Structure formats: C-alpha cells, structure tokens
Amino acid sequence: MDKTLLTILACPSCKSSLSYQKSEQELVCKACRLAYPIRDDIPVMLVEEARELTAEED
C-alpha cells in the first residue's frame, strides 16, 4: 500500500483516517470499527463491502 495514498484515503462512513493491515489486506477504521478490503491492490471503499471488526481485533 502506497503511503501517500494512505494519507489521502479516509473512511467513507465517518471520514476518519485508516490504518493498513498488511496481513489481512485491509484498511481499518478504528472509529467505525470497519475493515475495508483491498482486492487486486485496489482499496474497496464501500461501506457495503466492509466487515465489522470483532472485539479481539481492537
């Protein structure tokens, strides 16, 4: 994940910053507790495609 792109992207739901989880290939919003998938090196920034984080993933 390009660091410049990561600084530009924001959560589509709450506009908070995102963190990159390399092992899961996801962008995570701690505020919304949502993880957005990265498919073929492209972040899928749709709330409908995001998964909710579990308590263990905090």
Protein backbone atom coordinates (compact mmCIF):
# COMPACT_ATOMS: atom_id res chain seq x y z
CA MET A 1 0.00 0.00 0.00
CA ASP A 2 1.39 3.34 -1.07
CA LYS A 3 1.91 5.57 2.00
CA THR A 4 0.87 8.68 0.06
CA LEU A 5 -2.42 7.05 -0.91
CA LEU A 6 -2.99 6.01 2.69
CA THR A 7 -2.70 9.63 3.87
CA ILE A 8 -5.30 10.71 1.30
CA LEU A 9 -7.87 7.98 1.92
CA ALA A 10 -10.49 8.38 4.64
CA CYS A 11 -13.29 6.21 5.95
CA PRO A 12 -16.32 6.77 3.70
CA SER A 13 -18.61 6.47 6.71
CA CYS A 14 -17.07 8.84 9.29
CA LYS A 15 -14.14 10.45 7.38
CA SER A 16 -11.57 9.23 9.96
CA SER A 17 -8.08 8.12 8.99
CA LEU A 18 -7.41 4.50 8.13
CA SER A 19 -4.65 2.09 9.07
CA TYR A 20 -3.25 -0.54 6.75
CA GLN A 21 -3.33 -4.16 7.90
CA LYS A 22 -0.89 -5.88 5.55
CA SER A 23 -1.55 -9.42 6.80
CA GLU A 24 -5.30 -9.08 6.19
CA GLN A 25 -5.03 -6.84 3.11
CA GLU A 26 -7.48 -4.38 4.65
CA LEU A 27 -7.79 -0.73 5.56
CA VAL A 28 -9.17 -0.38 9.08
CA CYS A 29 -11.19 2.44 10.61
CA LYS A 30 -10.91 2.24 14.39
CA ALA A 31 -13.65 4.86 14.88
CA CYS A 32 -16.31 2.90 12.94
CA ARG A 33 -14.81 -0.50 13.68
CA LEU A 34 -14.91 -1.37 9.97
CA ALA A 35 -12.34 -3.06 7.74
CA TYR A 36 -12.33 -2.27 4.03
CA PRO A 37 -10.88 -4.98 1.76
CA ILE A 38 -8.06 -4.47 -0.72
CA ARG A 39 -8.60 -6.52 -3.88
CA ASP A 40 -6.00 -6.69 -6.66
CA ASP A 41 -4.13 -3.81 -4.96
CA ILE A 42 -7.25 -1.60 -5.09
CA PRO A 43 -8.98 -0.48 -1.86
CA VAL A 44 -12.71 -1.17 -1.97
CA MET A 45 -14.02 1.88 -0.14
CA LEU A 46 -17.68 0.90 0.06
CA VAL A 47 -19.43 0.59 3.42
CA GLU A 48 -21.45 -2.30 1.97
CA GLU A 49 -18.21 -4.22 1.31
CA ALA A 50 -16.64 -3.55 4.73
CA ARG A 51 -16.68 -6.04 7.55
CA GLU A 52 -17.21 -5.21 11.20
CA LEU A 53 -14.22 -5.73 13.49
CA THR A 54 -14.54 -8.19 16.33
CA ALA A 55 -13.62 -7.36 19.92
CA GLU A 56 -10.37 -9.34 19.55
CA GLU A 57 -9.26 -7.16 16.63
CA ASP A 58 -9.20 -3.89 18.58
